[in-house]
Protein backbone atom coordinates (compact mmCIF):
# COMPACT_ATOMS: atom_id res chain seq x y z
CA MET A 1 22.49 0.12 -19.23
CA LYS A 2 24.62 2.83 -18.16
CA LYS A 3 26.20 2.79 -14.44
CA SER A 4 24.88 5.91 -14.14
CA LEU A 5 21.53 5.97 -14.85
CA TYR A 6 21.05 2.96 -12.07
CA ILE A 7 22.34 5.52 -9.58
CA ALA A 8 20.12 8.06 -10.20
CA ILE A 9 17.42 5.36 -9.99
CA LEU A 10 18.81 4.15 -7.27
CA SER A 11 18.47 7.36 -5.69
CA GLY A 12 14.86 7.28 -6.40
CA LEU A 13 15.30 10.47 -8.33
CA LEU A 14 12.46 10.87 -11.21
CA PHE A 15 12.96 13.46 -13.26
CA ILE A 16 9.60 14.94 -15.47
CA THR A 17 11.47 16.76 -18.70
CA GLY A 18 10.68 17.69 -21.89
CA GLY A 19 11.68 19.87 -24.87
CA CYS A 20 13.28 23.31 -23.79
CA SER A 21 11.76 26.67 -24.96
CA LYS A 22 11.91 30.71 -23.78
CA LYS A 23 8.41 29.65 -22.09
CA ASP A 24 9.95 26.70 -20.03
CA LEU A 25 12.56 28.87 -18.56
CA GLU A 26 9.71 31.11 -16.67
CA GLU A 27 9.55 30.48 -12.88
CA ASN A 28 6.24 29.37 -12.86
CA PRO A 29 5.49 27.64 -16.48
CA PRO A 30 1.98 26.54 -16.14
CA ASN A 31 2.55 23.66 -18.76
CA LEU A 32 4.89 21.63 -16.76
CA ILE A 33 3.94 19.44 -13.48
CA THR A 34 6.77 19.20 -10.80
CA ALA A 35 6.43 18.53 -7.44
CA GLU A 36 6.91 22.26 -6.54
CA THR A 37 3.75 22.95 -8.73
CA LEU A 38 2.07 19.69 -8.14
CA TYR A 39 1.54 19.41 -4.55
CA THR A 40 0.21 23.06 -3.93
CA ASN A 41 -3.30 21.71 -2.57
CA LEU A 42 -5.38 18.87 -1.71
CA ASN A 43 -5.95 18.16 -4.91
CA GLY A 44 -2.53 17.94 -6.32
CA PHE A 45 -1.35 15.58 -3.15
CA GLU A 46 -4.55 13.43 -3.98
CA ALA A 47 -2.83 13.21 -7.75
CA GLY A 48 0.24 12.36 -6.42
CA LEU A 49 -1.54 9.61 -4.09
CA ASN A 50 -2.47 8.34 -7.04
CA GLY A 51 0.44 7.65 -9.05
CA LEU A 52 1.66 5.85 -5.49
CA TYR A 53 -1.22 3.93 -5.45
CA SER A 54 -0.59 3.09 -9.46
CA LEU A 55 2.73 2.09 -8.57
CA VAL A 56 2.13 -0.24 -5.76
CA ARG A 57 -0.43 -2.36 -7.48
CA GLN A 58 2.30 -2.95 -10.34
CA GLU A 59 2.74 -5.92 -7.48
CA ARG A 60 -0.20 -7.86 -9.39
CA GLU A 61 0.78 -6.33 -12.97
CA ALA A 62 3.93 -6.93 -15.35
CA VAL A 63 7.21 -5.40 -14.06
CA ASP A 64 7.76 -2.80 -16.55
CA GLY A 65 4.27 -2.44 -17.31
CA SER A 66 4.72 -4.26 -20.91
CA ASN A 67 5.83 -7.73 -20.59
CA ASN A 68 4.23 -10.58 -19.15
CA ASN A 69 6.19 -10.96 -15.52
CA LEU A 70 4.51 -10.70 -12.74
CA ILE A 71 5.79 -8.93 -10.19
CA ALA A 72 3.92 -10.65 -7.25
CA MET A 73 5.81 -13.89 -8.02
CA ILE A 74 8.32 -12.45 -6.03
CA ALA A 75 6.36 -13.93 -2.78
CA THR A 76 4.63 -16.61 -3.98
CA VAL A 77 6.37 -19.13 -6.15
CA GLY A 78 8.55 -21.90 -5.48
CA THR A 79 6.90 -22.56 -2.08
CA ASP A 80 5.71 -25.36 -0.47
CA ASN A 81 1.83 -24.48 -2.25
CA LEU A 82 3.26 -23.11 -5.74
CA ASP A 83 5.26 -24.56 -8.23
CA SER A 84 6.76 -22.86 -11.07
CA HIS A 85 4.99 -24.29 -14.35
CA ASN A 86 6.19 -23.17 -17.92
CA SER A 87 8.10 -20.26 -16.40
CA ALA A 88 9.86 -17.31 -17.10
CA PHE A 89 10.76 -14.42 -14.43
CA ILE A 90 11.26 -15.15 -10.85
CA GLY A 91 9.67 -18.60 -11.71
CA ALA A 92 12.43 -19.70 -13.71
CA ILE A 93 14.50 -19.04 -10.59
CA THR A 94 12.71 -20.80 -8.54
CA LEU A 95 13.24 -24.11 -11.16
CA ASN A 96 16.89 -23.72 -10.68
CA TRP A 97 18.00 -22.03 -7.36
CA LYS A 98 21.67 -23.01 -7.50
CA ASN A 99 22.51 -21.43 -11.25
CA LEU A 100 19.34 -18.48 -11.51
CA ASN A 101 19.04 -17.13 -7.72
CA VAL A 102 22.11 -14.96 -9.04
CA SER A 103 23.00 -11.11 -9.00
CA THR A 104 23.08 -10.16 -12.10
CA ASN A 105 19.55 -12.10 -12.84
CA SER A 106 17.66 -8.70 -14.16
CA ALA A 107 14.49 -9.98 -12.24
CA PHE A 108 15.95 -8.89 -9.22
CA SER A 109 16.88 -5.63 -10.11
CA ASP A 110 13.48 -5.32 -11.73
CA VAL A 111 11.59 -5.69 -8.51
CA PHE A 112 14.08 -4.08 -6.17
CA LEU A 113 13.96 -0.60 -8.16
CA TRP A 114 10.31 -0.72 -8.32
CA LEU A 115 9.94 -0.66 -4.77
CA TYR A 116 12.27 2.04 -4.58
CA LYS A 117 10.45 4.36 -6.51
CA ILE A 118 7.17 3.46 -4.75
CA ILE A 119 9.90 5.05 -1.51
CA ASN A 120 10.24 7.94 -3.56
CA ALA A 121 7.31 8.93 -4.30
CA ALA A 122 5.68 8.22 -0.91
CA ASN A 123 9.10 10.32 0.30
CA THR A 124 7.78 13.11 -1.79
CA ILE A 125 4.32 13.42 -0.63
CA ILE A 126 5.10 13.11 3.12
CA ASN A 127 8.09 15.26 3.07
CA ARG A 128 6.29 17.95 0.83
CA ALA A 129 2.89 18.14 3.36
CA GLU A 130 5.24 17.77 6.56
CA THR A 131 7.67 20.70 5.36
CA ARG A 132 5.51 23.09 3.59
CA ASN A 133 3.41 25.82 5.66
CA ASP A 134 1.65 27.41 2.35
CA ILE A 135 -0.27 24.33 1.26
CA ASP A 136 -4.20 24.70 1.21
CA TRP A 137 -5.77 21.84 2.57
CA LYS A 138 -9.09 22.44 1.76
CA GLY A 139 -11.49 20.25 0.51
CA GLY A 140 -14.42 17.45 1.34
CA THR A 141 -16.45 17.07 4.36
CA ALA A 142 -12.51 16.43 6.71
CA THR A 143 -11.15 19.68 8.16
CA PRO A 144 -7.73 21.24 6.28
CA ASP A 145 -5.51 19.06 9.42
CA GLU A 146 -7.94 15.87 8.23
CA ASN A 147 -6.95 15.82 4.64
CA ARG A 148 -3.27 16.91 5.88
CA ASN A 149 -2.61 13.86 8.10
CA ARG A 150 -4.71 11.17 6.02
CA VAL A 151 -2.80 11.89 3.11
CA ILE A 152 0.48 11.96 5.08
CA ALA A 153 -0.85 8.16 6.70
CA GLU A 154 -1.96 6.79 3.16
CA ALA A 155 1.91 7.74 1.91
CA LYS A 156 3.15 6.12 5.16
CA ALA A 157 1.31 3.08 5.19
CA LEU A 158 2.19 2.55 1.64
CA ARG A 159 6.52 3.27 2.05
CA ALA A 160 6.24 0.58 5.10
CA TRP A 161 4.50 -1.82 2.28
CA ALA A 162 7.73 -1.26 0.35
CA TYR A 163 9.68 -1.88 3.24
CA ARG A 164 7.95 -4.95 3.85
CA HIS A 165 8.77 -6.89 0.48
CA LEU A 166 12.34 -5.64 0.79
CA THR A 167 13.01 -6.87 3.85
CA PHE A 168 11.75 -9.62 3.54
CA SER A 169 13.16 -10.79 0.15
CA TRP A 170 16.57 -8.95 0.77
CA GLY A 171 18.00 -8.57 4.33
CA ASP A 172 19.10 -5.08 5.33
CA VAL A 173 18.46 -2.50 2.83
CA PRO A 174 19.34 0.85 2.85
CA LEU A 175 16.65 2.80 4.57
CA THR A 176 16.06 6.57 2.70
CA LEU A 177 13.21 8.66 4.47
CA GLU A 178 14.29 11.85 2.47
CA GLU A 179 12.68 13.12 -0.90
CA ALA A 180 15.13 12.29 -3.69
CA GLU A 181 16.25 15.13 -5.33
CA GLY A 182 19.45 16.75 -7.89
CA SER A 183 21.15 17.97 -4.99
CA ASN A 184 21.12 15.22 -2.93
CA ILE A 185 21.89 11.95 -5.20
CA ARG A 186 23.95 9.61 -3.58
CA THR A 187 26.53 6.41 -4.40
CA ASP A 188 27.68 5.58 -0.74
CA TRP A 189 24.30 4.04 0.41
CA GLU A 190 25.00 1.85 3.73
CA ARG A 191 22.79 -1.46 4.11
CA THR A 192 20.44 -0.38 7.11
CA PRO A 193 19.80 -3.70 9.45
CA VAL A 194 16.16 -5.55 9.17
CA ALA A 195 15.50 -4.37 13.23
CA ARG A 196 16.01 -0.70 12.68
CA ILE A 197 13.68 -0.79 9.19
CA ARG A 198 10.98 -2.68 11.16
CA ASP A 199 11.28 -0.03 13.71
CA GLN A 200 10.84 2.26 11.10
CA MET A 201 7.70 0.71 9.14
CA LYS A 202 6.10 0.20 12.96
CA SER A 203 6.11 4.06 13.27
CA ASP A 204 5.30 4.84 9.68
CA TRP A 205 2.09 2.14 10.34
CA LEU A 206 1.34 3.32 13.82
CA PHE A 207 0.60 7.06 12.60
CA ALA A 208 -1.37 5.15 9.59
CA GLU A 209 -3.57 3.78 12.10
CA GLU A 210 -4.17 6.95 13.34
CA TYR A 211 -5.47 8.29 10.76
CA LEU A 212 -6.78 6.53 8.57
CA THR A 213 -10.63 5.18 8.31
CA VAL A 214 -12.15 1.75 8.58
CA GLU A 215 -14.19 2.53 5.03
CA PRO A 216 -11.77 4.26 2.57
CA SER A 217 -13.96 7.04 0.93
CA VAL A 218 -11.98 6.10 -2.20
CA ARG A 219 -12.29 2.48 -3.50
CA GLY A 220 -8.55 1.19 -3.66
CA LYS A 221 -7.11 3.04 -0.62
CA ILE A 222 -5.68 1.09 1.90
CA SER A 223 -7.49 1.01 4.92
CA LYS A 224 -7.53 1.07 8.52
CA GLY A 225 -8.13 -2.66 8.84
CA ALA A 226 -5.27 -3.23 6.54
CA VAL A 227 -2.58 -1.68 8.58
CA GLN A 228 -3.80 -3.05 11.52
CA HIS A 229 -3.37 -6.50 9.75
CA TYR A 230 -0.06 -5.56 8.70
CA LEU A 231 1.04 -4.60 12.53
CA SER A 232 -0.03 -7.66 13.29
CA GLU A 233 1.70 -9.56 11.23
CA LEU A 234 4.64 -7.42 11.79
CA TYR A 235 4.67 -7.99 15.48
CA LEU A 236 4.83 -11.72 14.86
CA THR A 237 7.66 -11.27 12.36
CA ILE A 238 9.58 -9.73 15.68
CA GLY A 239 8.79 -12.02 18.00
CA LYS A 240 5.85 -10.05 20.05
CA PRO A 241 2.97 -12.53 19.88
CA ASP A 242 1.40 -10.26 22.49
CA SER A 243 1.59 -7.53 20.52
CA ALA A 244 0.35 -9.79 17.49
CA LEU A 245 -2.58 -10.20 18.99
CA ILE A 246 -4.03 -6.96 20.26
CA TYR A 247 -3.68 -6.01 16.56
CA ALA A 248 -5.60 -9.31 15.42
CA ASN A 249 -8.03 -8.09 17.37
CA LYS A 250 -8.82 -4.34 16.90
CA VAL A 251 -9.43 -5.73 13.42
CA ILE A 252 -11.60 -8.62 13.93
CA ASN A 253 -13.36 -6.83 16.39
CA THR A 254 -14.23 -3.98 13.79
CA PRO A 255 -17.98 -4.82 13.10
CA GLU A 256 -18.00 -3.37 9.53
CA TYR A 257 -14.91 -6.51 9.01
CA GLN A 258 -17.41 -9.47 9.13
CA LEU A 259 -15.97 -12.63 7.37
CA ILE A 260 -18.50 -13.99 4.47
CA THR A 261 -20.11 -17.16 5.34
CA ARG A 262 -23.59 -17.04 3.52
CA ARG A 263 -23.78 -16.68 -0.92
CA TYR A 264 -24.54 -13.42 -2.24
CA GLY A 265 -23.73 -10.99 -5.53
CA VAL A 266 -23.72 -11.67 -9.34
CA LYS A 267 -23.58 -15.48 -9.05
CA MET A 268 -25.81 -16.14 -5.76
CA SER A 269 -28.18 -17.55 -7.66
CA GLN A 270 -26.14 -19.96 -9.61
CA PRO A 271 -24.31 -23.49 -8.03
CA GLY A 272 -20.90 -22.24 -6.10
CA CYS A 273 -19.78 -21.87 -2.27
CA ALA A 274 -19.68 -18.78 -0.38
CA PHE A 275 -15.88 -18.99 0.23
CA MET A 276 -15.48 -18.18 -3.92
CA ASP A 277 -18.07 -15.29 -4.26
CA MET A 278 -15.76 -12.58 -2.93
CA PHE A 279 -13.82 -13.19 -6.20
CA TYR A 280 -16.12 -12.68 -8.77
CA ASP A 281 -16.14 -9.56 -10.71
CA GLY A 282 -18.94 -7.50 -9.17
CA ASN A 283 -18.65 -9.02 -5.82
CA SER A 284 -14.79 -7.98 -4.48
CA ASN A 285 -15.73 -4.63 -3.51
CA ARG A 286 -17.05 -3.81 -0.06
CA GLU A 287 -20.06 -1.90 -1.40
CA GLU A 288 -20.65 -5.00 -3.38
CA GLY A 289 -21.45 -6.89 -0.23
CA ASN A 290 -17.85 -8.06 0.28
CA THR A 291 -17.69 -7.19 4.36
CA GLU A 292 -14.46 -9.49 4.35
CA ALA A 293 -12.43 -7.36 2.39
CA LEU A 294 -10.03 -5.15 4.03
CA TRP A 295 -7.99 -3.79 0.65
CA VAL A 296 -9.14 -4.17 -2.78
CA TRP A 297 -7.60 -3.14 -5.74
CA GLN A 298 -8.94 -1.73 -9.03
CA TRP A 299 -8.93 -2.24 -12.51
CA GLU A 300 -10.98 -1.09 -15.23
CA TYR A 301 -11.57 -2.19 -19.13
CA ASN A 302 -10.92 0.44 -21.80
CA VAL A 303 -10.65 3.41 -19.47
CA VAL A 304 -7.40 5.96 -19.25
CA GLY A 305 -5.16 4.88 -16.49
CA GLY A 306 -7.18 1.55 -15.46
CA GLY A 307 -4.69 -1.06 -16.04
CA ASN A 308 -4.60 -4.96 -15.93
CA SER A 309 -3.84 -7.58 -13.66
CA LEU A 310 -2.07 -10.78 -15.08
CA MET A 311 -3.02 -12.95 -11.90
CA ARG A 312 -5.24 -15.09 -14.37
CA ARG A 313 -2.69 -15.09 -17.09
CA GLU A 314 0.16 -16.45 -14.61
CA TYR A 315 -1.96 -18.76 -12.62
CA SER A 316 -4.75 -20.67 -14.77
CA ASN A 317 -3.69 -23.15 -16.62
CA THR A 318 -3.38 -23.62 -21.19
CA TYR A 319 -6.63 -25.99 -20.88
CA TYR A 320 -6.96 -25.44 -24.47
CA ASN A 321 -3.93 -26.36 -25.69
CA SER A 322 -3.55 -29.52 -28.02
CA LEU A 323 -1.50 -31.04 -24.82
CA ILE A 324 -4.99 -31.88 -23.67
CA SER A 325 -6.33 -34.22 -26.53
CA ILE A 326 -8.44 -36.98 -26.56
CA ASN A 327 -8.16 -39.95 -29.29
CA GLY A 328 -7.12 -37.14 -31.40
CA VAL A 329 -9.61 -34.32 -30.62
CA VAL A 330 -8.86 -31.34 -29.06
CA PRO A 331 -12.11 -30.71 -26.86
CA LEU A 332 -12.03 -27.37 -24.74
CA GLN A 333 -12.56 -24.11 -26.19
CA LEU A 334 -12.04 -21.02 -24.29
CA THR A 335 -15.31 -19.42 -22.46
CA VAL A 336 -15.72 -16.96 -19.89
CA ASP A 337 -16.55 -19.60 -17.46
CA ARG A 338 -13.03 -21.17 -17.63
CA GLY A 339 -11.53 -17.98 -16.97
CA GLY A 340 -10.28 -17.62 -20.76
CA ARG A 341 -6.32 -17.94 -21.66
CA GLY A 342 -4.02 -18.51 -18.92
CA ILE A 343 -0.28 -19.78 -19.62
CA ALA A 344 0.06 -21.11 -16.17
CA ARG A 345 3.34 -19.91 -14.99
CA ALA A 346 2.91 -20.99 -11.17
CA VAL A 347 0.72 -23.88 -10.35
CA PRO A 348 -0.46 -25.96 -7.12
CA SER A 349 1.56 -27.95 -5.91
CA GLN A 350 0.58 -31.95 -5.79
CA TRP A 351 0.93 -31.25 -2.22
CA ALA A 352 -1.54 -28.44 -1.83
CA ILE A 353 -4.08 -29.61 -3.50
CA ASN A 354 -4.31 -32.89 -1.68
CA LEU A 355 -4.03 -30.93 1.63
CA TYR A 356 -8.31 -30.51 2.01
CA GLU A 357 -10.73 -32.81 3.41
CA PRO A 358 -13.19 -34.01 0.72
CA ASN A 359 -16.15 -31.70 1.79
CA ASP A 360 -13.71 -28.43 2.21
CA ASP A 361 -15.49 -25.57 0.22
CA ARG A 362 -11.73 -24.13 -1.01
CA GLY A 363 -11.20 -27.57 -2.28
CA SER A 364 -13.95 -27.79 -4.70
CA ASN A 365 -13.97 -27.42 -8.44
CA TYR A 366 -15.29 -24.08 -7.70
CA THR A 367 -12.14 -23.03 -6.12
CA ILE A 368 -9.27 -25.48 -7.73
CA ARG A 369 -10.08 -26.40 -11.17
CA LYS A 370 -10.15 -30.22 -11.39
CA TYR A 371 -12.50 -31.21 -14.31
CA TYR A 372 -14.40 -29.84 -17.34
CA THR A 373 -17.62 -30.09 -17.73
CA LEU A 374 -17.87 -30.48 -21.89
CA GLN A 375 -20.65 -27.96 -23.43
CA ASP A 376 -22.89 -27.17 -26.37
CA ALA A 377 -22.89 -23.93 -27.97
CA THR A 378 -25.78 -22.59 -25.50
CA GLN A 379 -23.28 -23.18 -22.47
CA ASN A 380 -20.55 -22.20 -24.11
CA ALA A 381 -21.76 -18.92 -25.48
CA PRO A 382 -20.18 -16.81 -27.06
CA ALA A 383 -17.72 -18.98 -28.06
CA PRO A 384 -18.34 -22.19 -29.91
CA ALA A 385 -19.23 -25.50 -28.57
CA ASP A 386 -16.64 -28.14 -27.29
CA ASN A 387 -15.28 -30.81 -29.83
CA LEU A 388 -16.73 -34.04 -28.42
CA PRO A 389 -14.17 -36.85 -28.62
CA PRO A 390 -14.82 -40.69 -29.74
CA GLY A 391 -17.76 -41.93 -26.82
CA TYR A 392 -18.33 -38.37 -25.30
CA LYS A 393 -21.56 -36.46 -25.38
CA TYR A 394 -22.35 -32.99 -23.61
CA GLY A 395 -22.25 -33.23 -19.89
CA ASP A 396 -19.33 -35.92 -19.62
CA THR A 397 -16.32 -34.66 -17.72
CA ILE A 398 -13.18 -34.24 -18.88
CA LYS A 399 -10.48 -34.71 -15.53
CA LEU A 400 -7.31 -33.06 -15.02
CA SER A 401 -4.52 -35.23 -13.25
CA TRP A 402 -2.01 -34.74 -10.09
CA ALA A 403 -1.87 -38.01 -9.32
CA LYS A 404 1.72 -37.87 -10.84
CA ASP A 405 4.15 -34.92 -9.17
CA LEU A 406 5.44 -32.16 -10.98
CA VAL A 407 9.45 -32.63 -11.31
CA TYR A 408 12.08 -30.24 -12.44
CA THR A 409 12.66 -29.45 -15.91
CA THR A 410 13.36 -26.47 -17.72
CA LYS A 411 10.12 -26.06 -19.34
CA SER A 412 8.02 -28.59 -17.46
CA ALA A 413 4.54 -28.02 -18.58
CA ARG A 414 1.39 -29.97 -18.09
CA ASN A 415 -1.90 -28.61 -19.74
CA ASP A 416 -3.74 -31.21 -17.89
CA TRP A 417 -3.13 -29.79 -14.24
CA PRO A 418 -5.39 -28.56 -11.71
CA PHE A 419 -5.12 -24.88 -11.11
CA ILE A 420 -6.83 -22.15 -8.55
CA ARG A 421 -9.65 -20.26 -10.09
CA LYS A 422 -10.09 -17.33 -7.30
CA TRP A 423 -8.63 -15.01 -10.71
CA ASP A 424 -11.20 -16.70 -13.28
CA ASN A 425 -12.70 -13.26 -15.37
CA VAL A 426 -12.02 -12.63 -18.85
CA ILE A 427 -13.62 -9.93 -21.31
CA PRO A 428 -16.75 -11.60 -22.97
CA THR A 429 -15.75 -9.93 -26.10
CA ASN A 430 -12.22 -11.08 -26.18
CA ILE A 431 -11.80 -14.52 -24.94
CA GLN A 432 -7.92 -14.20 -26.28
CA GLU A 433 -6.80 -11.51 -23.88
CA SER A 434 -4.54 -11.58 -21.78
CA GLY A 435 -4.97 -8.71 -19.22
CA GLN A 436 -7.61 -9.29 -16.21
CA TYR A 437 -9.51 -6.14 -15.10
CA ASN A 438 -11.74 -7.28 -12.76
CA ASP A 439 -11.65 -5.38 -9.44
CA GLN A 440 -9.87 -8.28 -6.77
CA VAL A 441 -9.45 -8.60 -3.30
CA TYR A 442 -5.66 -8.01 -1.85
CA LEU A 443 -6.15 -7.99 2.04
CA ARG A 444 -9.08 -9.80 3.33
CA LEU A 445 -10.03 -10.48 7.05
CA ALA A 446 -9.78 -14.64 6.80
CA GLU A 447 -5.74 -13.86 6.67
CA THR A 448 -6.37 -11.89 10.19
CA TYR A 449 -7.70 -14.87 11.87
CA LEU A 450 -5.26 -17.15 10.84
CA LEU A 451 -2.64 -14.52 12.42
CA LYS A 452 -4.52 -14.23 15.23
CA ALA A 453 -4.62 -18.25 16.04
CA GLU A 454 -0.84 -17.90 15.09
CA ALA A 455 -0.21 -15.62 17.77
CA GLN A 456 -2.64 -17.73 20.59
CA TYR A 457 -0.77 -20.65 19.84
CA LYS A 458 2.99 -18.87 20.22
CA LEU A 459 0.94 -17.33 23.63
CA GLY A 460 0.81 -21.24 24.74
CA ASN A 461 -2.79 -20.88 24.06
CA SER A 462 -3.74 -23.73 21.47
CA VAL A 463 -7.55 -24.13 22.80
CA ASP A 464 -8.38 -20.84 21.54
CA ALA A 465 -5.58 -21.28 18.56
CA ALA A 466 -8.04 -23.59 17.38
CA GLU A 467 -11.50 -22.16 18.09
CA THR A 468 -10.08 -19.32 16.19
CA ILE A 469 -8.82 -21.29 13.00
CA ASN A 470 -12.20 -23.10 13.39
CA ILE A 471 -13.90 -20.19 12.59
CA ILE A 472 -12.30 -20.36 9.02
CA ARG A 473 -12.78 -24.04 8.30
CA ARG A 474 -16.59 -23.92 9.79
CA ARG A 475 -17.15 -21.60 6.78
CA ALA A 476 -15.79 -23.83 3.83
CA HIS A 477 -17.31 -26.74 5.72
CA ALA A 478 -14.38 -28.54 6.96
CA SER A 479 -14.52 -30.66 10.09
CA ASP A 480 -13.54 -28.85 13.33
CA ILE A 481 -10.03 -29.48 14.92
CA THR A 482 -8.79 -29.84 18.53
CA PRO A 483 -6.29 -28.23 20.64
CA ALA A 484 -3.78 -31.10 20.13
CA ASP A 485 -4.04 -30.52 15.85
CA VAL A 486 -2.19 -27.10 16.59
CA ASN A 487 1.16 -26.28 15.83
CA ILE A 488 2.91 -24.33 13.32
CA ASP A 489 2.84 -26.74 10.70
CA PHE A 490 -0.66 -27.10 10.90
CA ILE A 491 -1.38 -23.26 10.42
CA LEU A 492 0.64 -23.10 7.54
CA ASP A 493 -1.57 -26.12 6.34
CA GLU A 494 -4.51 -24.01 7.19
CA ARG A 495 -2.55 -20.40 5.47
CA SER A 496 -2.66 -22.82 2.01
CA ARG A 497 -6.00 -24.29 2.00
CA GLU A 498 -7.16 -20.64 3.09
CA LEU A 499 -4.86 -18.49 1.17
CA ILE A 500 -2.97 -19.99 -1.81
CA THR A 501 -2.02 -17.61 -4.80
CA GLU A 502 -3.09 -14.59 -2.20
CA GLU A 503 -0.92 -14.33 0.74
CA HIS A 504 2.74 -13.65 0.07
CA ARG A 505 3.51 -17.25 1.30
CA ARG A 506 7.40 -17.19 0.54
CA TYR A 507 7.47 -14.33 3.41
CA THR A 508 4.99 -16.37 5.36
CA LEU A 509 7.49 -19.47 5.53
CA LEU A 510 10.45 -16.97 5.98
CA ARG A 511 9.20 -15.82 8.80
CA THR A 512 8.30 -18.80 10.82
CA GLY A 513 11.61 -20.22 9.94
CA LYS A 514 10.05 -22.77 7.77
CA TRP A 515 11.22 -22.17 3.84
CA LEU A 516 13.60 -24.34 3.17
CA GLU A 517 11.99 -27.15 5.40
CA ARG A 518 8.47 -27.55 3.41
CA VAL A 519 10.21 -26.32 -0.08
CA LYS A 520 12.63 -29.34 0.71
CA ALA A 521 9.58 -31.21 1.74
CA HIS A 522 6.91 -30.29 -0.87
CA ASN A 523 8.31 -28.40 -4.11
CA PHE A 524 9.40 -30.94 -6.67
CA ALA A 525 9.25 -28.37 -9.40
CA GLY A 526 13.00 -27.70 -8.70
CA GLY A 527 12.81 -26.63 -4.92
CA ASN A 528 14.28 -30.36 -3.86
CA GLN A 529 16.75 -30.53 -6.01
CA THR A 530 18.35 -27.10 -5.77
CA ALA A 531 17.19 -24.32 -2.88
CA ALA A 532 19.37 -24.33 0.11
CA ALA A 533 20.02 -21.84 2.82
CA ARG A 534 21.23 -18.75 0.76
CA ASP A 535 18.39 -18.66 -0.99
CA THR A 536 16.35 -17.91 1.85
CA LEU A 537 17.11 -14.17 0.96
CA PHE A 538 17.97 -13.04 -2.62
CA PRO A 539 21.34 -11.59 -3.68
CA ILE A 540 21.50 -7.45 -4.34
CA PRO A 541 21.14 -6.81 -7.80
CA GLN A 542 24.67 -6.34 -8.98
CA VAL A 543 23.38 -2.92 -10.85
CA VAL A 544 22.79 -2.07 -7.68
CA ILE A 545 25.94 -2.53 -5.80
CA ASP A 546 27.48 -1.36 -9.12
CA ALA A 547 26.26 1.59 -8.83
CA ASN A 548 27.18 2.60 -5.25
CA LEU A 549 30.52 4.24 -6.74
CA THR A 550 32.25 5.93 -3.18
CA LYS A 551 31.51 3.00 -0.67
CA LYS A 552 31.19 -0.48 -0.91
CA MET A 553 27.76 -2.06 -0.52
CA PRO A 554 28.44 -5.71 0.79
CA GLN A 555 26.52 -8.53 -0.87
CA ASN A 556 24.36 -11.25 0.64
CA PRO A 557 25.88 -14.64 2.43
CA GLY A 558 26.61 -17.19 -0.36
CA PHE A 559 26.49 -14.96 -3.39
């Protein structure tokens, strides 16, 4: 790609262009949507926010909207609890940190530039809303001032969210708060110190907390609780556990937010556990009974703008492949209950699977697929019956195996390896479908409890920290712990048990100073062989450095 194009992208300048005609040269052409014509009333700003949320949701989609590279892997795979497996994109880097964690790897530029698109879209909304005096803010039941402040709050919350990704992944990065326009394209960007960027994130989230509501008026929007959660995490990151505890308690003490402790919803009458109910299609949204949700992301099948997630595809195993065979018979059919077709680009490490007590719901077959039951055509419908190997009958089980740990290879595929079932969802009429269309919990209250426990521990209060952790464990029917059990490693273990494939595990390990230590100890699919201290940060993409024509942009150490 030409250097000039990267300059434009780095500046965040997104042009809407088309063929030029005499009509297009009119001062206010009715058929051309620009920032000037869009951001004149509340509806225009809502449309801009919709576009911003669409960009944000790409974290669980493809990096460019057309491939199968899950952006979320920038923060999940290659850690202590999630191994790269049959991988491409970020996963491939974590198989071979030494040779593939390099500035010219396009995975980094794809994610880096995606985040700056989000930032520029947010800046445009914020700057237009704050500086223009001719906007019609009337709409709905709120006052014009309330509408204006809420719009700015949403955009600021998402801008800070993007900088959270950037600072954990790359450290010092350019901080920009201006709307990019043709007149202010820059080629002299400087890397802003992380501390300065986190001050801005705090400012953005504090503003958002003031003007956002516990229950957003529209599904998919960020809530007050989500912002308070991020503030709690931010204060832990910058070494202020007292403030972190305040903000965790703000979320936990909000009556509308409650842990799911009883079965509910679409599978209530079927075998299962309360922990998993919030992940089922029809149960994820707050109005569907999910009181634990702080932020839920939306996808719809066959709807314009609905999009699709790739979580199932990346985190579910290829159980139907011929590598699972018994005496020459491939037994398992693709079914709805089994989550359809996956490719298993990331799977739980052996260490992560073994973390659970026998009676912990989070380690059960409802949550981690450890075995399959052979089923007849009625049970598999609309798929056909499973193929019975010699000596087997319907109702027998086929056990998956994790006795031998995953090890590094350039293409390590284990089709008989357990996988996380939080993302089991497929369209019944299209079992082969790659995409996933159910609404998904993005952030939930259980993680806030674990932030609270970490703050309590860092404040020297292991008694209260143990009780906070036990609230989470009791929901899962795990045994209580004692204050003597509590340390940072136990908290990280508990986060894995509760949040595997959900949390940004890499960021958690980085902010606690534990990433390299725990990758070396528990990740045998490339991590313990090739990860080094320099890999705690990713390299600034080379295309970004090259586009900064008039000022040298320094690279991260070791690259």
